[in-house]
């Protein structure tokens, strides 16, 4: 198995969230997600979950 490169892991997974309504990915600050001020570009929803790491 290949080793995990920290720079690549940060680029792929840091501050990336998935909309619970339309499943589109969005990069946003975690604080904005927790406050509920970030909204989805595609559907306008405000509920997100962190992207799952494979």
C-alpha atoms as a PDB file:
ATOM      1  CA  UNK A   1       0.000   0.000   0.000  1.00  0.00           C
ATOM      2  CA  UNK A   2       1.090   3.514  -0.678  1.00  0.00           C
ATOM      3  CA  UNK A   3       1.652   5.877   2.193  1.00  0.00           C
ATOM      4  CA  UNK A   4      -0.758   8.736   2.687  1.00  0.00           C
ATOM      5  CA  UNK A   5       0.733  12.091   1.765  1.00  0.00           C
ATOM      6  CA  UNK A   6      -0.452  14.800   4.199  1.00  0.00           C
ATOM      7  CA  UNK A   7      -0.584  17.512   1.532  1.00  0.00           C
ATOM      8  CA  UNK A   8      -2.787  15.392  -0.715  1.00  0.00           C
ATOM      9  CA  UNK A   9      -5.070  14.386   2.150  1.00  0.00           C
ATOM     10  CA  UNK A  10      -5.521  18.037   3.148  1.00  0.00           C
ATOM     11  CA  UNK A  11      -6.309  19.017  -0.438  1.00  0.00           C
ATOM     12  CA  UNK A  12      -8.925  16.296  -0.861  1.00  0.00           C
ATOM     13  CA  UNK A  13     -10.645  16.271   2.524  1.00  0.00           C
ATOM     14  CA  UNK A  14      -9.964  19.486   4.478  1.00  0.00           C
ATOM     15  CA  UNK A  15     -13.052  21.726   4.732  1.00  0.00           C
ATOM     16  CA  UNK A  16     -15.003  19.650   2.190  1.00  0.00           C
ATOM     17  CA  UNK A  17     -18.644  18.987   3.013  1.00  0.00           C
ATOM     18  CA  UNK A  18     -21.507  17.224   1.227  1.00  0.00           C
ATOM     19  CA  UNK A  19     -25.033  18.580   1.046  1.00  0.00           C
ATOM     20  CA  UNK A  20     -27.520  16.222   2.685  1.00  0.00           C
ATOM     21  CA  UNK A  21     -30.246  17.219   0.241  1.00  0.00           C
ATOM     22  CA  UNK A  22     -28.594  17.029  -3.205  1.00  0.00           C
ATOM     23  CA  UNK A  23     -25.218  15.331  -2.432  1.00  0.00           C
ATOM     24  CA  UNK A  24     -23.117  18.058  -4.027  1.00  0.00           C
ATOM     25  CA  UNK A  25     -19.644  18.724  -2.628  1.00  0.00           C
ATOM     26  CA  UNK A  26     -18.709  22.127  -1.291  1.00  0.00           C
ATOM     27  CA  UNK A  27     -15.595  23.558   0.297  1.00  0.00           C
ATOM     28  CA  UNK A  28     -16.355  25.832   3.242  1.00  0.00           C
ATOM     29  CA  UNK A  29     -15.035  26.775   6.646  1.00  0.00           C
ATOM     30  CA  UNK A  30     -16.190  24.352   9.349  1.00  0.00           C
ATOM     31  CA  UNK A  31     -17.311  27.244  11.530  1.00  0.00           C
ATOM     32  CA  UNK A  32     -19.724  28.484   8.850  1.00  0.00           C
ATOM     33  CA  UNK A  33     -21.143  24.980   8.467  1.00  0.00           C
ATOM     34  CA  UNK A  34     -21.688  24.698  12.225  1.00  0.00           C
ATOM     35  CA  UNK A  35     -23.334  28.133  12.418  1.00  0.00           C
ATOM     36  CA  UNK A  36     -25.585  27.336   9.463  1.00  0.00           C
ATOM     37  CA  UNK A  37     -24.559  30.381   7.441  1.00  0.00           C
ATOM     38  CA  UNK A  38     -23.154  28.389   4.504  1.00  0.00           C
ATOM     39  CA  UNK A  39     -25.647  27.293   1.892  1.00  0.00           C
ATOM     40  CA  UNK A  40     -25.492  24.910  -1.036  1.00  0.00           C
ATOM     41  CA  UNK A  41     -24.869  26.406  -4.467  1.00  0.00           C
ATOM     42  CA  UNK A  42     -27.066  23.861  -6.172  1.00  0.00           C
ATOM     43  CA  UNK A  43     -30.195  23.558  -4.011  1.00  0.00           C
ATOM     44  CA  UNK A  44     -29.857  26.283  -1.360  1.00  0.00           C
ATOM     45  CA  UNK A  45     -29.919  23.821   1.551  1.00  0.00           C
ATOM     46  CA  UNK A  46     -28.068  24.461   4.791  1.00  0.00           C
ATOM     47  CA  UNK A  47     -27.533  20.912   6.071  1.00  0.00           C
ATOM     48  CA  UNK A  48     -24.111  19.416   5.406  1.00  0.00           C
ATOM     49  CA  UNK A  49     -22.018  16.456   6.487  1.00  0.00           C
ATOM     50  CA  UNK A  50     -18.262  15.954   6.253  1.00  0.00           C
ATOM     51  CA  UNK A  51     -17.034  14.048   3.206  1.00  0.00           C
ATOM     52  CA  UNK A  52     -16.309  10.401   3.985  1.00  0.00           C
ATOM     53  CA  UNK A  53     -12.708   9.282   3.686  1.00  0.00           C
ATOM     54  CA  UNK A  54     -12.237   6.139   1.657  1.00  0.00           C
END
